[in-house]
Amino acid sequence: MDIIQTRKPQFTLRMATLDDAALVVSYMKKLGDYQKMLDKITATEADIRRLLSEQRGEVLFGEYDGATVGFIYFYQNSSAFTGQTGLYIDGFFIDQPFQSQGLGKIMFAYLSKLALERGCQRLEWGCLDWNEPAISFYRNLGAYSVDEMTIYRFAPQQLEQNAGQF
């Protein structure tokens, strides 16, 4: 487990290992609770372990004085529309007592650096429309919203129904 030093001596970063799957689920549940969507968090420790082992997702943890206080779950994607690759953040949360201390900014800076090192041209994520504190944080980092589209999704039942039409 490699420790990544940051500009704040007591705050370090590290990438998750397979043994961190339960911790990832714990942080996803914290995020779901904050977003008033806890019932939508259905990932299990086995699901996260599989995603990490298949390298379909990665997790960056933030640790303050050795205790985990935040996480970012992300994966690499690409766009035929732009011909670019990027990193997509699917989960980001900093424990409440550690918010507004610049830790999230450090984590985003590291993920931006990682994206550039991997040859990516963008870093993207979603944010709920009502989440003004997060929107303000992202805008202060220089992020902008893509308002021209709405995300659509097939859940398992719709996947099966749609596939049955083939």
N, C-alpha and C. Protein backbone atom coordinates (compact mmCIF):
# COMPACT_ATOMS: atom_id res chain seq x y z
N MET A 1 0.85 -1.17 0.00
CA MET A 1 0.00 0.00 0.00
C MET A 1 0.90 1.24 0.00
N ASP A 2 0.88 1.95 -1.12
CA ASP A 2 1.70 3.15 -1.24
C ASP A 2 0.96 4.36 -0.67
N ILE A 3 1.64 5.09 0.17
CA ILE A 3 1.10 6.31 0.75
C ILE A 3 1.55 7.48 -0.12
N ILE A 4 0.60 8.33 -0.48
CA ILE A 4 0.88 9.50 -1.32
C ILE A 4 0.84 10.73 -0.41
N GLN A 5 1.97 11.40 -0.29
CA GLN A 5 2.06 12.59 0.54
C GLN A 5 1.37 13.76 -0.17
N THR A 6 0.75 14.64 0.62
CA THR A 6 0.11 15.83 0.07
C THR A 6 0.76 17.06 0.69
N ARG A 7 0.29 18.23 0.30
CA ARG A 7 0.84 19.47 0.84
C ARG A 7 0.44 19.70 2.29
N LYS A 8 -0.52 18.91 2.78
CA LYS A 8 -0.88 18.94 4.21
C LYS A 8 -0.25 17.71 4.84
N PRO A 9 0.73 17.88 5.68
CA PRO A 9 1.48 16.73 6.22
C PRO A 9 0.61 15.66 6.89
N GLN A 10 -0.46 16.06 7.56
CA GLN A 10 -1.29 15.07 8.25
C GLN A 10 -2.31 14.41 7.32
N PHE A 11 -2.41 14.86 6.07
CA PHE A 11 -3.37 14.31 5.11
C PHE A 11 -2.62 13.58 4.01
N THR A 12 -2.88 12.28 3.88
CA THR A 12 -2.25 11.46 2.85
C THR A 12 -3.33 10.79 2.01
N LEU A 13 -2.91 10.29 0.87
CA LEU A 13 -3.79 9.58 -0.04
C LEU A 13 -3.26 8.18 -0.25
N ARG A 14 -4.17 7.29 -0.60
CA ARG A 14 -3.76 5.95 -1.00
C ARG A 14 -4.82 5.34 -1.90
N MET A 15 -4.38 4.48 -2.80
CA MET A 15 -5.30 3.76 -3.66
C MET A 15 -5.80 2.53 -2.91
N ALA A 16 -7.06 2.18 -3.14
CA ALA A 16 -7.67 1.03 -2.47
C ALA A 16 -7.06 -0.28 -2.97
N THR A 17 -7.11 -1.27 -2.10
CA THR A 17 -6.76 -2.64 -2.46
C THR A 17 -8.06 -3.46 -2.37
N LEU A 18 -7.99 -4.70 -2.78
CA LEU A 18 -9.16 -5.58 -2.69
C LEU A 18 -9.67 -5.68 -1.26
N ASP A 19 -8.76 -5.60 -0.31
CA ASP A 19 -9.15 -5.71 1.11
C ASP A 19 -9.96 -4.51 1.59
N ASP A 20 -10.06 -3.46 0.79
CA ASP A 20 -10.81 -2.26 1.15
C ASP A 20 -12.25 -2.27 0.68
N ALA A 21 -12.71 -3.37 0.11
CA ALA A 21 -14.05 -3.42 -0.48
C ALA A 21 -15.13 -3.02 0.53
N ALA A 22 -15.05 -3.51 1.75
CA ALA A 22 -16.06 -3.17 2.76
C ALA A 22 -16.01 -1.68 3.08
N LEU A 23 -14.82 -1.09 3.11
CA LEU A 23 -14.69 0.34 3.38
C LEU A 23 -15.31 1.16 2.24
N VAL A 24 -15.14 0.70 1.01
CA VAL A 24 -15.76 1.38 -0.13
C VAL A 24 -17.28 1.36 0.02
N VAL A 25 -17.85 0.20 0.35
CA VAL A 25 -19.29 0.10 0.53
C VAL A 25 -19.74 1.04 1.65
N SER A 26 -18.97 1.09 2.72
CA SER A 26 -19.28 1.99 3.83
C SER A 26 -19.35 3.44 3.36
N TYR A 27 -18.38 3.86 2.56
CA TYR A 27 -18.38 5.23 2.06
C TYR A 27 -19.49 5.47 1.06
N MET A 28 -19.82 4.49 0.25
CA MET A 28 -20.95 4.65 -0.67
C MET A 28 -22.24 4.83 0.12
N LYS A 29 -22.37 4.12 1.23
CA LYS A 29 -23.57 4.27 2.06
C LYS A 29 -23.61 5.65 2.72
N LYS A 30 -22.46 6.16 3.13
CA LYS A 30 -22.42 7.52 3.68
C LYS A 30 -22.87 8.52 2.62
N LEU A 31 -22.37 8.34 1.40
CA LEU A 31 -22.75 9.22 0.30
C LEU A 31 -24.24 9.09 0.01
N GLY A 32 -24.74 7.86 -0.05
CA GLY A 32 -26.15 7.63 -0.30
C GLY A 32 -27.04 8.26 0.77
N ASP A 33 -26.61 8.18 2.01
CA ASP A 33 -27.37 8.79 3.10
C ASP A 33 -27.40 10.31 2.93
N TYR A 34 -26.26 10.91 2.64
CA TYR A 34 -26.21 12.36 2.43
C TYR A 34 -27.10 12.78 1.26
N GLN A 35 -27.09 11.98 0.20
CA GLN A 35 -27.86 12.32 -1.00
C GLN A 35 -29.33 11.93 -0.89
N LYS A 36 -29.74 11.42 0.27
CA LYS A 36 -31.12 10.97 0.48
C LYS A 36 -31.48 9.86 -0.50
N MET A 37 -30.49 9.00 -0.79
CA MET A 37 -30.66 7.90 -1.73
C MET A 37 -30.07 6.61 -1.18
N LEU A 38 -30.05 6.47 0.13
CA LEU A 38 -29.43 5.30 0.74
C LEU A 38 -30.02 4.00 0.20
N ASP A 39 -31.32 4.01 -0.09
CA ASP A 39 -31.96 2.80 -0.61
C ASP A 39 -31.48 2.43 -2.01
N LYS A 40 -30.83 3.35 -2.70
CA LYS A 40 -30.31 3.09 -4.05
C LYS A 40 -28.92 2.45 -4.02
N ILE A 41 -28.26 2.47 -2.87
CA ILE A 41 -26.94 1.87 -2.75
C ILE A 41 -27.12 0.37 -2.50
N THR A 42 -26.92 -0.41 -3.54
CA THR A 42 -27.12 -1.86 -3.45
C THR A 42 -25.81 -2.64 -3.60
N ALA A 43 -24.72 -1.95 -3.84
CA ALA A 43 -23.42 -2.62 -4.01
C ALA A 43 -23.06 -3.37 -2.73
N THR A 44 -22.51 -4.56 -2.91
CA THR A 44 -22.04 -5.36 -1.78
C THR A 44 -20.52 -5.36 -1.78
N GLU A 45 -19.97 -5.86 -0.69
CA GLU A 45 -18.52 -5.99 -0.62
C GLU A 45 -18.01 -6.86 -1.77
N ALA A 46 -18.74 -7.94 -2.10
CA ALA A 46 -18.34 -8.82 -3.20
C ALA A 46 -18.39 -8.08 -4.54
N ASP A 47 -19.40 -7.22 -4.74
CA ASP A 47 -19.50 -6.44 -5.98
C ASP A 47 -18.29 -5.53 -6.14
N ILE A 48 -17.96 -4.82 -5.05
CA ILE A 48 -16.83 -3.88 -5.12
C ILE A 48 -15.52 -4.63 -5.30
N ARG A 49 -15.37 -5.73 -4.61
CA ARG A 49 -14.16 -6.55 -4.77
C ARG A 49 -14.00 -6.98 -6.24
N ARG A 50 -15.12 -7.38 -6.86
CA ARG A 50 -15.08 -7.80 -8.27
C ARG A 50 -14.69 -6.62 -9.16
N LEU A 51 -15.31 -5.47 -8.95
CA LEU A 51 -14.99 -4.30 -9.78
C LEU A 51 -13.52 -3.92 -9.65
N LEU A 52 -13.01 -3.95 -8.43
CA LEU A 52 -11.60 -3.62 -8.21
C LEU A 52 -10.69 -4.67 -8.83
N SER A 53 -11.03 -5.94 -8.66
CA SER A 53 -10.15 -7.01 -9.17
C SER A 53 -10.15 -7.05 -10.70
N GLU A 54 -11.28 -6.70 -11.31
CA GLU A 54 -11.35 -6.66 -12.78
C GLU A 54 -10.85 -5.33 -13.33
N GLN A 55 -10.40 -4.46 -12.46
CA GLN A 55 -9.90 -3.13 -12.81
C GLN A 55 -10.93 -2.31 -13.59
N ARG A 56 -12.18 -2.47 -13.19
CA ARG A 56 -13.27 -1.69 -13.79
C ARG A 56 -13.57 -0.44 -12.98
N GLY A 57 -12.97 -0.34 -11.81
CA GLY A 57 -13.10 0.82 -10.96
C GLY A 57 -11.90 0.91 -10.05
N GLU A 58 -11.67 2.12 -9.57
CA GLU A 58 -10.56 2.39 -8.66
C GLU A 58 -11.07 3.30 -7.55
N VAL A 59 -10.37 3.28 -6.44
CA VAL A 59 -10.76 4.12 -5.31
C VAL A 59 -9.54 4.81 -4.76
N LEU A 60 -9.69 6.09 -4.53
CA LEU A 60 -8.69 6.90 -3.86
C LEU A 60 -9.23 7.25 -2.48
N PHE A 61 -8.48 6.90 -1.44
CA PHE A 61 -8.87 7.24 -0.08
C PHE A 61 -8.04 8.42 0.41
N GLY A 62 -8.67 9.28 1.18
CA GLY A 62 -7.98 10.34 1.89
C GLY A 62 -7.91 9.97 3.35
N GLU A 63 -6.71 10.10 3.94
CA GLU A 63 -6.52 9.72 5.35
C GLU A 63 -5.91 10.89 6.12
N TYR A 64 -6.53 11.20 7.23
CA TYR A 64 -6.07 12.29 8.09
C TYR A 64 -5.51 11.67 9.37
N ASP A 65 -4.23 11.90 9.60
CA ASP A 65 -3.53 11.28 10.74
C ASP A 65 -3.76 9.77 10.78
N GLY A 66 -3.78 9.15 9.62
CA GLY A 66 -3.90 7.70 9.51
C GLY A 66 -5.31 7.15 9.48
N ALA A 67 -6.32 7.98 9.71
CA ALA A 67 -7.72 7.52 9.70
C ALA A 67 -8.37 7.94 8.39
N THR A 68 -9.10 7.04 7.76
CA THR A 68 -9.78 7.34 6.51
C THR A 68 -10.89 8.35 6.76
N VAL A 69 -10.89 9.43 5.96
CA VAL A 69 -11.87 10.50 6.13
C VAL A 69 -12.58 10.86 4.83
N GLY A 70 -12.21 10.21 3.72
CA GLY A 70 -12.84 10.53 2.45
C GLY A 70 -12.47 9.52 1.38
N PHE A 71 -13.25 9.54 0.29
CA PHE A 71 -12.97 8.63 -0.80
C PHE A 71 -13.48 9.20 -2.12
N ILE A 72 -12.89 8.71 -3.20
CA ILE A 72 -13.38 8.95 -4.56
C ILE A 72 -13.35 7.61 -5.28
N TYR A 73 -14.51 7.18 -5.80
CA TYR A 73 -14.59 5.99 -6.66
C TYR A 73 -14.62 6.50 -8.09
N PHE A 74 -13.75 5.97 -8.96
CA PHE A 74 -13.67 6.46 -10.33
C PHE A 74 -13.30 5.34 -11.28
N TYR A 75 -13.49 5.60 -12.57
CA TYR A 75 -13.08 4.66 -13.61
C TYR A 75 -12.76 5.43 -14.88
N GLN A 76 -12.00 4.80 -15.75
CA GLN A 76 -11.63 5.43 -17.02
C GLN A 76 -12.72 5.19 -18.03
N ASN A 77 -13.00 6.21 -18.84
CA ASN A 77 -13.97 6.08 -19.92
C ASN A 77 -13.42 6.73 -21.18
N SER A 78 -14.21 6.66 -22.23
CA SER A 78 -13.81 7.29 -23.49
C SER A 78 -15.07 7.77 -24.21
N SER A 79 -14.87 8.65 -25.18
CA SER A 79 -15.98 9.21 -25.93
C SER A 79 -15.69 9.16 -27.42
N ALA A 80 -16.56 8.50 -28.16
CA ALA A 80 -16.45 8.53 -29.62
C ALA A 80 -16.86 9.90 -30.14
N PHE A 81 -17.65 10.62 -29.36
CA PHE A 81 -18.10 11.96 -29.75
C PHE A 81 -16.92 12.92 -29.84
N THR A 82 -16.03 12.86 -28.84
CA THR A 82 -14.89 13.79 -28.80
C THR A 82 -13.57 13.11 -29.15
N GLY A 83 -13.57 11.77 -29.14
CA GLY A 83 -12.32 11.05 -29.37
C GLY A 83 -11.35 11.17 -28.19
N GLN A 84 -11.89 11.44 -27.01
CA GLN A 84 -11.06 11.64 -25.83
C GLN A 84 -11.31 10.56 -24.79
N THR A 85 -10.30 10.40 -23.94
CA THR A 85 -10.46 9.55 -22.78
C THR A 85 -10.58 10.44 -21.55
N GLY A 86 -11.11 9.88 -20.50
CA GLY A 86 -11.26 10.65 -19.28
C GLY A 86 -11.41 9.73 -18.09
N LEU A 87 -11.48 10.35 -16.94
CA LEU A 87 -11.82 9.64 -15.72
C LEU A 87 -13.21 10.12 -15.31
N TYR A 88 -14.03 9.18 -14.87
CA TYR A 88 -15.37 9.51 -14.42
C TYR A 88 -15.47 9.19 -12.93
N ILE A 89 -15.87 10.18 -12.15
CA ILE A 89 -16.03 10.00 -10.71
C ILE A 89 -17.47 9.58 -10.45
N ASP A 90 -17.63 8.41 -9.84
CA ASP A 90 -18.96 7.88 -9.56
C ASP A 90 -19.33 8.05 -8.09
N GLY A 91 -18.39 8.33 -7.25
CA GLY A 91 -18.67 8.55 -5.84
C GLY A 91 -17.58 9.38 -5.20
N PHE A 92 -17.96 10.40 -4.45
CA PHE A 92 -17.01 11.28 -3.77
C PHE A 92 -17.65 11.72 -2.46
N PHE A 93 -16.92 11.54 -1.36
CA PHE A 93 -17.46 11.94 -0.07
C PHE A 93 -16.31 12.19 0.90
N ILE A 94 -16.45 13.28 1.65
CA ILE A 94 -15.53 13.61 2.74
C ILE A 94 -16.37 13.62 4.02
N ASP A 95 -15.91 12.94 5.06
CA ASP A 95 -16.64 12.92 6.32
C ASP A 95 -16.87 14.35 6.81
N GLN A 96 -18.06 14.61 7.35
CA GLN A 96 -18.49 15.95 7.71
C GLN A 96 -17.48 16.71 8.57
N PRO A 97 -16.89 16.12 9.61
CA PRO A 97 -15.95 16.92 10.42
C PRO A 97 -14.72 17.39 9.64
N PHE A 98 -14.47 16.80 8.47
CA PHE A 98 -13.27 17.14 7.71
C PHE A 98 -13.58 17.95 6.45
N GLN A 99 -14.85 18.28 6.26
CA GLN A 99 -15.22 19.11 5.11
C GLN A 99 -14.76 20.54 5.33
N SER A 100 -14.60 21.27 4.25
CA SER A 100 -14.21 22.69 4.28
C SER A 100 -12.81 22.91 4.86
N GLN A 101 -11.94 21.90 4.72
CA GLN A 101 -10.55 22.04 5.16
C GLN A 101 -9.58 21.92 3.98
N GLY A 102 -10.12 21.87 2.76
CA GLY A 102 -9.27 21.77 1.58
C GLY A 102 -8.90 20.34 1.21
N LEU A 103 -9.43 19.33 1.91
CA LEU A 103 -9.05 17.95 1.63
C LEU A 103 -9.63 17.46 0.31
N GLY A 104 -10.89 17.81 0.05
CA GLY A 104 -11.50 17.45 -1.23
C GLY A 104 -10.77 18.09 -2.40
N LYS A 105 -10.34 19.32 -2.21
CA LYS A 105 -9.57 20.02 -3.25
C LYS A 105 -8.26 19.28 -3.53
N ILE A 106 -7.61 18.80 -2.49
CA ILE A 106 -6.37 18.03 -2.67
C ILE A 106 -6.66 16.73 -3.41
N MET A 107 -7.76 16.07 -3.06
CA MET A 107 -8.09 14.82 -3.72
C MET A 107 -8.40 15.04 -5.21
N PHE A 108 -9.12 16.11 -5.52
CA PHE A 108 -9.41 16.44 -6.92
C PHE A 108 -8.13 16.81 -7.66
N ALA A 109 -7.23 17.51 -7.01
CA ALA A 109 -5.95 17.86 -7.64
C ALA A 109 -5.17 16.59 -7.98
N TYR A 110 -5.13 15.65 -7.05
CA TYR A 110 -4.42 14.40 -7.32
C TYR A 110 -5.09 13.63 -8.46
N LEU A 111 -6.41 13.56 -8.46
CA LEU A 111 -7.10 12.83 -9.53
C LEU A 111 -6.90 13.52 -10.88
N SER A 112 -6.85 14.84 -10.89
CA SER A 112 -6.55 15.58 -12.12
C SER A 112 -5.15 15.24 -12.63
N LYS A 113 -4.19 15.19 -11.72
CA LYS A 113 -2.82 14.82 -12.07
C LYS A 113 -2.78 13.40 -12.62
N LEU A 114 -3.50 12.49 -11.98
CA LEU A 114 -3.55 11.10 -12.44
C LEU A 114 -4.16 11.01 -13.84
N ALA A 115 -5.22 11.78 -14.07
CA ALA A 115 -5.85 11.79 -15.39
C ALA A 115 -4.85 12.24 -16.46
N LEU A 116 -4.12 13.30 -16.18
CA LEU A 116 -3.12 13.77 -17.14
C LEU A 116 -2.01 12.74 -17.37
N GLU A 117 -1.56 12.11 -16.29
CA GLU A 117 -0.53 11.08 -16.43
C GLU A 117 -1.00 9.92 -17.29
N ARG A 118 -2.29 9.66 -17.29
CA ARG A 118 -2.86 8.57 -18.09
C ARG A 118 -3.25 9.01 -19.49
N GLY A 119 -2.97 10.25 -19.83
CA GLY A 119 -3.28 10.75 -21.16
C GLY A 119 -4.74 11.14 -21.35
N CYS A 120 -5.45 11.34 -20.27
CA CYS A 120 -6.86 11.72 -20.34
C CYS A 120 -6.98 13.22 -20.60
N GLN A 121 -8.07 13.59 -21.26
CA GLN A 121 -8.32 15.00 -21.55
C GLN A 121 -9.44 15.59 -20.70
N ARG A 122 -10.04 14.78 -19.84
CA ARG A 122 -11.13 15.33 -19.03
C ARG A 122 -11.33 14.51 -17.75
N LEU A 123 -11.99 15.15 -16.80
CA LEU A 123 -12.42 14.54 -15.55
C LEU A 123 -13.88 14.95 -15.41
N GLU A 124 -14.76 13.96 -15.23
CA GLU A 124 -16.19 14.25 -15.20
C GLU A 124 -16.84 13.57 -14.00
N TRP A 125 -18.02 14.07 -13.61
CA TRP A 125 -18.81 13.49 -12.53
C TRP A 125 -20.20 14.07 -12.61
N GLY A 126 -21.12 13.48 -11.91
CA GLY A 126 -22.47 13.99 -11.80
C GLY A 126 -22.67 14.62 -10.43
N CYS A 127 -23.67 15.47 -10.34
CA CYS A 127 -24.01 16.11 -9.07
C CYS A 127 -25.51 16.35 -9.06
N LEU A 128 -26.15 16.01 -7.97
CA LEU A 128 -27.59 16.24 -7.85
C LEU A 128 -27.88 17.73 -7.89
N ASP A 129 -28.95 18.10 -8.58
CA ASP A 129 -29.28 19.51 -8.79
C ASP A 129 -29.49 20.29 -7.50
N TRP A 130 -29.94 19.64 -6.43
CA TRP A 130 -30.21 20.34 -5.18
C TRP A 130 -28.98 20.52 -4.30
N ASN A 131 -27.87 19.88 -4.66
CA ASN A 131 -26.69 19.84 -3.79
C ASN A 131 -25.84 21.11 -3.95
N GLU A 132 -26.36 22.22 -3.46
CA GLU A 132 -25.68 23.51 -3.60
C GLU A 132 -24.27 23.55 -3.01
N PRO A 133 -24.02 22.94 -1.84
CA PRO A 133 -22.64 22.97 -1.33
C PRO A 133 -21.66 22.30 -2.29
N ALA A 134 -22.04 21.16 -2.87
CA ALA A 134 -21.15 20.48 -3.81
C ALA A 134 -21.00 21.29 -5.09
N ILE A 135 -22.10 21.84 -5.59
CA ILE A 135 -22.04 22.65 -6.82
C ILE A 135 -21.09 23.82 -6.62
N SER A 136 -21.19 24.49 -5.48
CA SER A 136 -20.31 25.61 -5.18
C SER A 136 -18.86 25.15 -5.11
N PHE A 137 -18.61 24.00 -4.45
CA PHE A 137 -17.25 23.45 -4.38
C PHE A 137 -16.70 23.18 -5.78
N TYR A 138 -17.48 22.54 -6.63
CA TYR A 138 -17.02 22.20 -7.98
C TYR A 138 -16.76 23.46 -8.82
N ARG A 139 -17.65 24.43 -8.71
CA ARG A 139 -17.47 25.67 -9.48
C ARG A 139 -16.23 26.43 -8.99
N ASN A 140 -15.98 26.40 -7.68
CA ASN A 140 -14.78 27.05 -7.15
C ASN A 140 -13.51 26.38 -7.65
N LEU A 141 -13.59 25.10 -8.01
CA LEU A 141 -12.44 24.40 -8.58
C LEU A 141 -12.25 24.74 -10.06
N GLY A 142 -13.27 25.39 -10.67
CA GLY A 142 -13.21 25.73 -12.08
C GLY A 142 -14.02 24.79 -12.96
N ALA A 143 -14.78 23.87 -12.36
CA ALA A 143 -15.61 22.95 -13.15
C ALA A 143 -16.83 23.68 -13.70
N TYR A 144 -17.36 23.15 -14.78
CA TYR A 144 -18.58 23.68 -15.36
C TYR A 144 -19.55 22.54 -15.59
N SER A 145 -20.83 22.86 -15.65
CA SER A 145 -21.85 21.83 -15.84
C SER A 145 -22.16 21.67 -17.33
N VAL A 146 -22.50 20.46 -17.68
CA VAL A 146 -22.94 20.15 -19.05
C VAL A 146 -24.45 20.03 -18.96
N ASP A 147 -25.15 21.09 -19.32
CA ASP A 147 -26.60 21.13 -19.13
C ASP A 147 -27.39 20.72 -20.38
N GLU A 148 -26.70 20.37 -21.43
CA GLU A 148 -27.39 20.07 -22.68
C GLU A 148 -27.94 18.66 -22.75
N MET A 149 -27.70 17.84 -21.73
CA MET A 149 -28.16 16.47 -21.82
C MET A 149 -28.68 15.96 -20.50
N THR A 150 -29.48 14.93 -20.60
CA THR A 150 -30.00 14.21 -19.44
C THR A 150 -29.52 12.78 -19.56
N ILE A 151 -29.10 12.21 -18.47
CA ILE A 151 -28.64 10.82 -18.46
C ILE A 151 -29.85 9.90 -18.44
N TYR A 152 -29.87 8.91 -19.31
CA TYR A 152 -30.90 7.88 -19.33
C TYR A 152 -30.26 6.55 -18.98
N ARG A 153 -31.05 5.63 -18.44
CA ARG A 153 -30.48 4.38 -17.96
C ARG A 153 -31.47 3.24 -18.12
N PHE A 154 -30.96 2.07 -18.47
CA PHE A 154 -31.71 0.82 -18.35
C PHE A 154 -31.23 0.14 -17.08
N ALA A 155 -32.14 -0.18 -16.18
CA ALA A 155 -31.83 -1.00 -15.01
C ALA A 155 -31.96 -2.47 -15.45
N PRO A 156 -31.61 -3.43 -14.59
CA PRO A 156 -31.64 -4.83 -15.01
C PRO A 156 -32.95 -5.27 -15.66
N GLN A 157 -34.09 -4.88 -15.10
CA GLN A 157 -35.37 -5.30 -15.67
C GLN A 157 -35.55 -4.76 -17.09
N GLN A 158 -35.21 -3.49 -17.32
CA GLN A 158 -35.33 -2.91 -18.65
C GLN A 158 -34.32 -3.52 -19.61
N LEU A 159 -33.12 -3.85 -19.10
CA LEU A 159 -32.14 -4.53 -19.94
C LEU A 159 -32.70 -5.84 -20.47
N GLU A 160 -33.31 -6.62 -19.56
CA GLU A 160 -33.86 -7.90 -19.96
C GLU A 160 -35.02 -7.71 -20.94
N GLN A 161 -35.90 -6.77 -20.67
CA GLN A 161 -37.03 -6.54 -21.57
C GLN A 161 -36.53 -6.10 -22.94
N ASN A 162 -35.58 -5.20 -22.97
CA ASN A 162 -35.06 -4.69 -24.23
C ASN A 162 -34.31 -5.78 -24.99
N ALA A 163 -33.49 -6.55 -24.27
CA ALA A 163 -32.75 -7.64 -24.91
C ALA A 163 -33.70 -8.69 -25.48
N GLY A 164 -34.85 -8.86 -24.85
CA GLY A 164 -35.84 -9.82 -25.33
C GLY A 164 -36.44 -9.43 -26.68
N GLN A 165 -36.25 -8.21 -27.10
CA GLN A 165 -36.76 -7.76 -28.40
C GLN A 165 -35.84 -8.14 -29.55
N PHE A 166 -34.68 -8.69 -29.25
CA PHE A 166 -33.69 -9.02 -30.29
C PHE A 166 -34.03 -10.31 -30.99
